[in-house]
PDB file of N, CA and C in Angstrom:
ATOM      1  N   UNK A   1      16.943 -33.703  22.455  1.00  0.00           N
ATOM      2  CA  UNK A   1      15.426 -33.776  22.653  1.00  0.00           C
ATOM      3  C   UNK A   1      14.957 -32.068  22.539  1.00  0.00           C
ATOM      4  N   UNK A   2      15.289 -31.709  23.480  1.00  0.00           N
ATOM      5  CA  UNK A   2      14.958 -30.816  24.155  1.00  0.00           C
ATOM      6  C   UNK A   2      15.860 -29.590  22.984  1.00  0.00           C
ATOM      7  N   UNK A   3      17.202 -29.539  22.715  1.00  0.00           N
ATOM      8  CA  UNK A   3      17.632 -29.008  22.042  1.00  0.00           C
ATOM      9  C   UNK A   3      16.821 -29.218  20.287  1.00  0.00           C
ATOM     10  N   UNK A   4      16.402 -29.991  19.925  1.00  0.00           N
ATOM     11  CA  UNK A   4      15.240 -30.141  18.571  1.00  0.00           C
ATOM     12  C   UNK A   4      14.168 -29.262  18.898  1.00  0.00           C
ATOM     13  N   UNK A   5      13.915 -29.034  19.988  1.00  0.00           N
ATOM     14  CA  UNK A   5      12.504 -28.781  20.368  1.00  0.00           C
ATOM     15  C   UNK A   5      12.895 -27.482  19.828  1.00  0.00           C
ATOM     16  N   UNK A   6      13.727 -26.832  20.477  1.00  0.00           N
ATOM     17  CA  UNK A   6      13.874 -25.383  20.728  1.00  0.00           C
ATOM     18  C   UNK A   6      14.014 -24.891  19.170  1.00  0.00           C
ATOM     19  N   UNK A   7      14.938 -26.032  18.404  1.00  0.00           N
ATOM     20  CA  UNK A   7      15.430 -25.552  17.385  1.00  0.00           C
ATOM     21  C   UNK A   7      13.982 -24.799  16.310  1.00  0.00           C
ATOM     22  N   UNK A   8      13.083 -26.101  16.824  1.00  0.00           N
ATOM     23  CA  UNK A   8      11.546 -26.263  16.276  1.00  0.00           C
ATOM     24  C   UNK A   8      10.870 -24.954  16.270  1.00  0.00           C
ATOM     25  N   UNK A   9      10.860 -24.547  17.487  1.00  0.00           N
ATOM     26  CA  UNK A   9      10.098 -23.269  17.791  1.00  0.00           C
ATOM     27  C   UNK A   9      10.825 -22.212  17.065  1.00  0.00           C
ATOM     28  N   UNK A  10      12.282 -21.858  17.311  1.00  0.00           N
ATOM     29  CA  UNK A  10      12.861 -21.174  16.969  1.00  0.00           C
ATOM     30  C   UNK A  10      12.471 -20.568  15.307  1.00  0.00           C
ATOM     31  N   UNK A  11      12.704 -21.848  14.631  1.00  0.00           N
ATOM     32  CA  UNK A  11      12.117 -21.293  13.027  1.00  0.00           C
ATOM     33  C   UNK A  11      10.798 -21.400  13.024  1.00  0.00           C
ATOM     34  N   UNK A  12       9.767 -21.844  13.574  1.00  0.00           N
ATOM     35  CA  UNK A  12       8.698 -21.383  13.813  1.00  0.00           C
ATOM     36  C   UNK A  12       8.360 -19.819  13.584  1.00  0.00           C
ATOM     37  N   UNK A  13       9.289 -19.788  14.204  1.00  0.00           N
ATOM     38  CA  UNK A  13       9.463 -17.891  14.618  1.00  0.00           C
ATOM     39  C   UNK A  13       9.703 -17.381  14.013  1.00  0.00           C
ATOM     40  N   UNK A  14      11.088 -17.948  13.197  1.00  0.00           N
ATOM     41  CA  UNK A  14      11.612 -16.874  12.651  1.00  0.00           C
ATOM     42  C   UNK A  14      10.437 -16.748  11.198  1.00  0.00           C
ATOM     43  N   UNK A  15      10.456 -17.690  10.908  1.00  0.00           N
ATOM     44  CA  UNK A  15       9.495 -18.051   9.352  1.00  0.00           C
ATOM     45  C   UNK A  15       8.189 -17.231   9.932  1.00  0.00           C
ATOM     46  N   UNK A  16       7.914 -16.887  11.053  1.00  0.00           N
ATOM     47  CA  UNK A  16       6.424 -15.937  11.151  1.00  0.00           C
ATOM     48  C   UNK A  16       7.085 -14.538  11.070  1.00  0.00           C
ATOM     49  N   UNK A  17       8.198 -14.086  12.010  1.00  0.00           N
ATOM     50  CA  UNK A  17       8.779 -13.012  11.211  1.00  0.00           C
ATOM     51  C   UNK A  17       9.076 -12.719   9.984  1.00  0.00           C
ATOM     52  N   UNK A  18       9.903 -13.601   9.210  1.00  0.00           N
ATOM     53  CA  UNK A  18       9.966 -13.379   8.328  1.00  0.00           C
ATOM     54  C   UNK A  18       8.697 -13.406   6.961  1.00  0.00           C
ATOM     55  N   UNK A  19       7.537 -13.702   7.222  1.00  0.00           N
ATOM     56  CA  UNK A  19       6.446 -13.137   6.727  1.00  0.00           C
ATOM     57  C   UNK A  19       5.682 -12.402   6.319  1.00  0.00           C
ATOM     58  N   UNK A  20       6.260 -12.063   8.247  1.00  0.00           N
ATOM     59  CA  UNK A  20       5.221 -10.751   8.179  1.00  0.00           C
ATOM     60  C   UNK A  20       6.026  -9.574   7.895  1.00  0.00           C
ATOM     61  N   UNK A  21       7.393  -9.786   7.822  1.00  0.00           N
ATOM     62  CA  UNK A  21       8.364  -8.636   7.458  1.00  0.00           C
ATOM     63  C   UNK A  21       8.626  -8.290   5.889  1.00  0.00           C
ATOM     64  N   UNK A  22       7.579  -9.479   4.421  1.00  0.00           N
ATOM     65  CA  UNK A  22       7.646  -9.221   3.289  1.00  0.00           C
ATOM     66  C   UNK A  22       6.771  -8.139   3.073  1.00  0.00           C
ATOM     67  N   UNK A  23       5.693  -7.906   3.610  1.00  0.00           N
ATOM     68  CA  UNK A  23       4.835  -6.423   3.272  1.00  0.00           C
ATOM     69  C   UNK A  23       4.248  -7.087   2.310  1.00  0.00           C
ATOM     70  N   UNK A  24       3.825  -5.932   1.651  1.00  0.00           N
ATOM     71  CA  UNK A  24       2.362  -6.592   0.569  1.00  0.00           C
ATOM     72  C   UNK A  24       2.579  -6.574  -0.545  1.00  0.00           C
ATOM     73  N   UNK A  25       1.892  -6.966  -1.188  1.00  0.00           N
ATOM     74  CA  UNK A  25       1.998  -8.271  -2.666  1.00  0.00           C
ATOM     75  C   UNK A  25       1.092  -7.009  -3.571  1.00  0.00           C
ATOM     76  N   UNK A  26       2.394  -5.623  -4.702  1.00  0.00           N
ATOM     77  CA  UNK A  26       1.573  -4.971  -4.581  1.00  0.00           C
ATOM     78  C   UNK A  26       1.002  -5.162  -5.741  1.00  0.00           C
ATOM     79  N   UNK A  27       1.042  -5.862  -6.580  1.00  0.00           N
ATOM     80  CA  UNK A  27       0.639  -6.167  -7.764  1.00  0.00           C
ATOM     81  C   UNK A  27      -0.355  -6.605  -7.364  1.00  0.00           C
ATOM     82  N   UNK A  28      -0.895  -7.298  -6.900  1.00  0.00           N
ATOM     83  CA  UNK A  28      -2.205  -7.664  -6.444  1.00  0.00           C
ATOM     84  C   UNK A  28      -3.436  -6.365  -5.900  1.00  0.00           C
ATOM     85  N   UNK A  29      -1.981  -5.723  -5.354  1.00  0.00           N
ATOM     86  CA  UNK A  29      -3.516  -4.092  -4.929  1.00  0.00           C
ATOM     87  C   UNK A  29      -3.246  -3.469  -6.322  1.00  0.00           C
ATOM     88  N   UNK A  30      -2.054  -3.426  -7.611  1.00  0.00           N
ATOM     89  CA  UNK A  30      -2.574  -3.173  -8.628  1.00  0.00           C
ATOM     90  C   UNK A  30      -3.241  -3.123  -9.860  1.00  0.00           C
ATOM     91  N   UNK A  31      -3.708  -4.689  -9.600  1.00  0.00           N
ATOM     92  CA  UNK A  31      -4.612  -5.647 -10.572  1.00  0.00           C
ATOM     93  C   UNK A  31      -6.266  -4.936 -10.124  1.00  0.00           C
ATOM     94  N   UNK A  32      -6.284  -5.544  -8.821  1.00  0.00           N
ATOM     95  CA  UNK A  32      -7.831  -4.880  -8.155  1.00  0.00           C
ATOM     96  C   UNK A  32      -8.257  -3.530  -8.520  1.00  0.00           C
ATOM     97  N   UNK A  33      -7.108  -2.235  -8.441  1.00  0.00           N
ATOM     98  CA  UNK A  33      -7.179  -1.286  -8.223  1.00  0.00           C
ATOM     99  C   UNK A  33      -6.936  -0.400 -10.078  1.00  0.00           C
ATOM    100  N   UNK A  34      -7.058  -1.428 -10.680  1.00  0.00           N
ATOM    101  CA  UNK A  34      -6.839  -0.876 -12.397  1.00  0.00           C
ATOM    102  C   UNK A  34      -5.536   0.021 -12.386  1.00  0.00           C
ATOM    103  N   UNK A  35      -5.021   0.583 -11.495  1.00  0.00           N
ATOM    104  CA  UNK A  35      -3.336   1.476 -12.061  1.00  0.00           C
ATOM    105  C   UNK A  35      -2.662   0.307 -10.587  1.00  0.00           C
ATOM    106  N   UNK A  36      -1.290   1.185 -11.379  1.00  0.00           N
ATOM    107  CA  UNK A  36      -0.549   1.002 -10.287  1.00  0.00           C
ATOM    108  C   UNK A  36       0.270   2.625  -9.332  1.00  0.00           C
ATOM    109  N   UNK A  37       1.237   2.565  -8.129  1.00  0.00           N
ATOM    110  CA  UNK A  37       1.220   2.868  -7.365  1.00  0.00           C
ATOM    111  C   UNK A  37       2.362   3.401  -7.057  1.00  0.00           C
ATOM    112  N   UNK A  38       3.164   3.796  -6.066  1.00  0.00           N
ATOM    113  CA  UNK A  38       4.918   4.095  -5.704  1.00  0.00           C
ATOM    114  C   UNK A  38       4.619   3.767  -4.526  1.00  0.00           C
ATOM    115  N   UNK A  39       5.854   2.815  -4.175  1.00  0.00           N
ATOM    116  CA  UNK A  39       5.781   2.538  -2.667  1.00  0.00           C
ATOM    117  C   UNK A  39       6.748   3.010  -1.968  1.00  0.00           C
ATOM    118  N   UNK A  40       7.165   3.492  -0.750  1.00  0.00           N
ATOM    119  CA  UNK A  40       7.673   4.132   0.098  1.00  0.00           C
ATOM    120  C   UNK A  40       7.942   4.236   1.469  1.00  0.00           C
ATOM    121  N   UNK A  41       9.127   3.169   1.457  1.00  0.00           N
ATOM    122  CA  UNK A  41       9.367   2.706   2.552  1.00  0.00           C
ATOM    123  C   UNK A  41       8.387   1.274   2.609  1.00  0.00           C
ATOM    124  N   UNK A  42       7.560   0.870   3.694  1.00  0.00           N
ATOM    125  CA  UNK A  42       6.939  -0.049   3.921  1.00  0.00           C
ATOM    126  C   UNK A  42       5.222   0.557   3.900  1.00  0.00           C
ATOM    127  N   UNK A  43       5.360   1.776   3.188  1.00  0.00           N
ATOM    128  CA  UNK A  43       3.883   2.223   2.638  1.00  0.00           C
ATOM    129  C   UNK A  43       3.862   2.293   0.694  1.00  0.00           C
ATOM    130  N   UNK A  44       2.676   1.475   0.378  1.00  0.00           N
ATOM    131  CA  UNK A  44       2.549   1.194  -0.672  1.00  0.00           C
ATOM    132  C   UNK A  44       1.387   2.473  -0.866  1.00  0.00           C
ATOM    133  N   UNK A  45       1.282   3.784  -2.272  1.00  0.00           N
ATOM    134  CA  UNK A  45       0.707   4.315  -2.768  1.00  0.00           C
ATOM    135  C   UNK A  45       0.201   4.962  -3.789  1.00  0.00           C
ATOM    136  N   UNK A  46      -1.706   4.885  -4.506  1.00  0.00           N
ATOM    137  CA  UNK A  46      -2.207   4.691  -5.323  1.00  0.00           C
ATOM    138  C   UNK A  46      -2.690   5.937  -5.399  1.00  0.00           C
ATOM    139  N   UNK A  47      -2.787   7.172  -6.275  1.00  0.00           N
ATOM    140  CA  UNK A  47      -3.415   7.339  -6.646  1.00  0.00           C
ATOM    141  C   UNK A  47      -4.374   7.919  -7.474  1.00  0.00           C
ATOM    142  N   UNK A  48      -5.585   8.441  -7.418  1.00  0.00           N
ATOM    143  CA  UNK A  48      -6.517   8.379  -8.769  1.00  0.00           C
ATOM    144  C   UNK A  48      -6.587   9.726  -8.696  1.00  0.00           C
ATOM    145  N   UNK A  49      -5.952  10.615 -10.117  1.00  0.00           N
ATOM    146  CA  UNK A  49      -5.954  11.907 -10.368  1.00  0.00           C
ATOM    147  C   UNK A  49      -7.603  11.764 -10.823  1.00  0.00           C
ATOM    148  N   UNK A  50      -8.708  13.325 -11.073  1.00  0.00           N
ATOM    149  CA  UNK A  50      -9.627  13.496 -11.108  1.00  0.00           C
ATOM    150  C   UNK A  50      -9.247  14.298 -12.800  1.00  0.00           C
ATOM    151  N   UNK A  51      -9.109  13.510 -14.081  1.00  0.00           N
ATOM    152  CA  UNK A  51      -9.427  13.968 -15.041  1.00  0.00           C
ATOM    153  C   UNK A  51     -10.158  14.725 -16.077  1.00  0.00           C
ATOM    154  N   UNK A  52     -11.643  14.146 -15.385  1.00  0.00           N
ATOM    155  CA  UNK A  52     -12.756  14.555 -15.724  1.00  0.00           C
ATOM    156  C   UNK A  52     -13.353  16.152 -15.647  1.00  0.00           C
ATOM    157  N   UNK A  53     -12.868  16.287 -14.498  1.00  0.00           N
ATOM    158  CA  UNK A  53     -13.245  18.150 -14.371  1.00  0.00           C
ATOM    159  C   UNK A  53     -12.109  19.095 -15.019  1.00  0.00           C
ATOM    160  N   UNK A  54     -12.992  20.192 -14.867  1.00  0.00           N
ATOM    161  CA  UNK A  54     -12.369  21.263 -15.922  1.00  0.00           C
ATOM    162  C   UNK A  54     -12.635  22.401 -14.523  1.00  0.00           C
ATOM    163  N   UNK A  55     -11.506  23.003 -14.128  1.00  0.00           N
ATOM    164  CA  UNK A  55     -11.852  23.803 -12.674  1.00  0.00           C
ATOM    165  C   UNK A  55     -11.130  24.913 -13.054  1.00  0.00           C
ATOM    166  N   UNK A  56     -11.981  25.943 -13.018  1.00  0.00           N
ATOM    167  CA  UNK A  56     -11.196  27.485 -13.121  1.00  0.00           C
ATOM    168  C   UNK A  56     -11.063  28.024 -11.712  1.00  0.00           C
ATOM    169  N   UNK A  57     -10.826  29.240 -11.335  1.00  0.00           N
ATOM    170  CA  UNK A  57     -10.952  30.031  -9.858  1.00  0.00           C
ATOM    171  C   UNK A  57      -9.644  31.187 -10.684  1.00  0.00           C
ATOM    172  N   UNK A  58     -10.750  32.201 -10.705  1.00  0.00           N
ATOM    173  CA  UNK A  58     -10.880  33.876 -11.520  1.00  0.00           C
ATOM    174  C   UNK A  58     -10.094  33.326 -12.859  1.00  0.00           C
ATOM    175  N   UNK A  59     -10.739  32.627 -13.720  1.00  0.00           N
ATOM    176  CA  UNK A  59     -10.180  32.484 -14.626  1.00  0.00           C
ATOM    177  C   UNK A  59      -9.077  31.933 -14.978  1.00  0.00           C
ATOM    178  N   UNK A  60      -8.105  31.193 -13.548  1.00  0.00           N
ATOM    179  CA  UNK A  60      -7.043  30.226 -13.822  1.00  0.00           C
ATOM    180  C   UNK A  60      -7.549  29.118 -14.231  1.00  0.00           C
ATOM    181  N   UNK A  61      -7.067  27.942 -14.557  1.00  0.00           N
ATOM    182  CA  UNK A  61      -7.480  26.727 -14.850  1.00  0.00           C
ATOM    183  C   UNK A  61      -6.561  26.378 -13.974  1.00  0.00           C
ATOM    184  N   UNK A  62      -7.340  24.917 -12.829  1.00  0.00           N
ATOM    185  CA  UNK A  62      -6.666  24.789 -11.800  1.00  0.00           C
ATOM    186  C   UNK A  62      -6.086  23.382 -12.347  1.00  0.00           C
ATOM    187  N   UNK A  63      -5.123  22.469 -12.116  1.00  0.00           N
ATOM    188  CA  UNK A  63      -4.131  21.184 -12.749  1.00  0.00           C
ATOM    189  C   UNK A  63      -5.447  20.428 -12.273  1.00  0.00           C
ATOM    190  N   UNK A  64      -5.352  18.951 -12.361  1.00  0.00           N
ATOM    191  CA  UNK A  64      -5.764  17.563 -11.408  1.00  0.00           C
ATOM    192  C   UNK A  64      -5.145  17.826  -9.757  1.00  0.00           C
ATOM    193  N   UNK A  65      -4.142  17.343 -10.715  1.00  0.00           N
ATOM    194  CA  UNK A  65      -2.654  16.999  -9.701  1.00  0.00           C
ATOM    195  C   UNK A  65      -2.346  17.997  -8.269  1.00  0.00           C
ATOM    196  N   UNK A  66      -3.439  18.906  -8.715  1.00  0.00           N
ATOM    197  CA  UNK A  66      -3.739  20.132  -7.548  1.00  0.00           C
ATOM    198  C   UNK A  66      -4.678  20.050  -6.491  1.00  0.00           C
ATOM    199  N   UNK A  67      -4.922  18.797  -5.935  1.00  0.00           N
ATOM    200  CA  UNK A  67      -5.782  19.019  -4.887  1.00  0.00           C
ATOM    201  C   UNK A  67      -7.052  18.204  -5.412  1.00  0.00           C
ATOM    202  N   UNK A  68      -7.090  17.728  -6.372  1.00  0.00           N
ATOM    203  CA  UNK A  68      -8.321  17.639  -7.083  1.00  0.00           C
ATOM    204  C   UNK A  68      -8.447  16.084  -7.265  1.00  0.00           C
ATOM    205  N   UNK A  69      -7.559  14.863  -6.499  1.00  0.00           N
ATOM    206  CA  UNK A  69      -7.603  14.011  -6.567  1.00  0.00           C
ATOM    207  C   UNK A  69      -7.486  13.323  -5.530  1.00  0.00           C
ATOM    208  N   UNK A  70      -7.708  12.215  -5.210  1.00  0.00           N
ATOM    209  CA  UNK A  70      -7.549  11.014  -4.204  1.00  0.00           C
ATOM    210  C   UNK A  70      -6.587   9.926  -4.385  1.00  0.00           C
ATOM    211  N   UNK A  71      -6.253   9.412  -3.272  1.00  0.00           N
ATOM    212  CA  UNK A  71      -5.043   8.572  -3.091  1.00  0.00           C
ATOM    213  C   UNK A  71      -5.710   7.745  -1.787  1.00  0.00           C
ATOM    214  N   UNK A  72      -4.624   6.135  -1.902  1.00  0.00           N
ATOM    215  CA  UNK A  72      -4.840   6.031  -1.041  1.00  0.00           C
ATOM    216  C   UNK A  72      -3.354   4.492  -0.618  1.00  0.00           C
ATOM    217  N   UNK A  73      -3.475   4.696   1.208  1.00  0.00           N
ATOM    218  CA  UNK A  73      -1.858   4.199   1.041  1.00  0.00           C
ATOM    219  C   UNK A  73      -2.136   2.882   1.761  1.00  0.00           C
ATOM    220  N   UNK A  74      -1.645   1.631   1.232  1.00  0.00           N
ATOM    221  CA  UNK A  74      -1.444   0.771   1.926  1.00  0.00           C
ATOM    222  C   UNK A  74      -0.494   0.462   2.566  1.00  0.00           C
ATOM    223  N   UNK A  75      -0.451   0.010   4.076  1.00  0.00           N
ATOM    224  CA  UNK A  75       0.747  -0.942   4.417  1.00  0.00           C
ATOM    225  C   UNK A  75       0.546  -2.482   5.045  1.00  0.00           C
ATOM    226  N   UNK A  76       1.592  -2.477   5.415  1.00  0.00           N
ATOM    227  CA  UNK A  76       1.369  -3.914   6.779  1.00  0.00           C
ATOM    228  C   UNK A  76       1.651  -5.226   5.834  1.00  0.00           C
ATOM    229  N   UNK A  77       1.695  -6.524   6.391  1.00  0.00           N
ATOM    230  CA  UNK A  77       1.554  -7.413   5.569  1.00  0.00           C
ATOM    231  C   UNK A  77       0.267  -8.191   5.235  1.00  0.00           C
ATOM    232  N   UNK A  78       0.332  -9.012   3.767  1.00  0.00           N
ATOM    233  CA  UNK A  78      -1.198  -8.951   3.256  1.00  0.00           C
ATOM    234  C   UNK A  78      -1.902  -9.620   3.515  1.00  0.00           C
ATOM    235  N   UNK A  79      -1.765 -10.188   4.593  1.00  0.00           N
ATOM    236  CA  UNK A  79      -2.421 -11.484   5.976  1.00  0.00           C
ATOM    237  C   UNK A  79      -3.261  -9.687   6.635  1.00  0.00           C
ATOM    238  N   UNK A  80      -3.053  -9.212   6.825  1.00  0.00           N
ATOM    239  CA  UNK A  80      -3.597  -7.830   8.305  1.00  0.00           C
ATOM    240  C   UNK A  80      -2.959  -6.325   7.487  1.00  0.00           C
ATOM    241  N   UNK A  81      -3.208  -6.338   6.626  1.00  0.00           N
ATOM    242  CA  UNK A  81      -3.304  -4.940   6.032  1.00  0.00           C
ATOM    243  C   UNK A  81      -4.148  -3.877   6.225  1.00  0.00           C
ATOM    244  N   UNK A  82      -3.212  -2.423   6.140  1.00  0.00           N
ATOM    245  CA  UNK A  82      -4.121  -1.560   6.505  1.00  0.00           C
ATOM    246  C   UNK A  82      -4.342  -0.754   5.647  1.00  0.00           C
ATOM    247  N   UNK A  83      -5.428   0.243   5.693  1.00  0.00           N
ATOM    248  CA  UNK A  83      -4.935   1.264   3.996  1.00  0.00           C
ATOM    249  C   UNK A  83      -5.914   2.523   4.959  1.00  0.00           C
ATOM    250  N   UNK A  84      -5.679   3.240   4.283  1.00  0.00           N
ATOM    251  CA  UNK A  84      -5.862   4.819   4.791  1.00  0.00           C
ATOM    252  C   UNK A  84      -5.792   6.192   3.203  1.00  0.00           C
ATOM    253  N   UNK A  85      -6.815   6.897   3.229  1.00  0.00           N
ATOM    254  CA  UNK A  85      -7.332   7.377   1.967  1.00  0.00           C
ATOM    255  C   UNK A  85      -7.699   8.684   2.365  1.00  0.00           C
ATOM    256  N   UNK A  86      -7.786   9.725   0.871  1.00  0.00           N
ATOM    257  CA  UNK A  86      -8.717  10.586   0.973  1.00  0.00           C
ATOM    258  C   UNK A  86      -9.399  10.329  -0.669  1.00  0.00           C
ATOM    259  N   UNK A  87     -10.447  10.194  -0.405  1.00  0.00           N
ATOM    260  CA  UNK A  87     -11.288   9.961  -1.619  1.00  0.00           C
ATOM    261  C   UNK A  87     -13.015  10.325  -1.029  1.00  0.00           C
TER     262      UNK A  87
END
């Protein structure tokens, strides 16, 4: 009885660890934001380049990828994710 109870608690703990280790469902993030991102390690980053701006500095055109965009980075499991970005 004790070994069965111990096994039960160990399996619950392992299930929680495996679930937490699965990370984010990036497909849901892509669907919500309408664009895809890139995964690096445990972080999923989505960029938002500004294509509506025509910026020039001293006669030189600045491309949108050069600090004219925004981004959001997601980490953690689906149930307890955090986001950080520059919008």
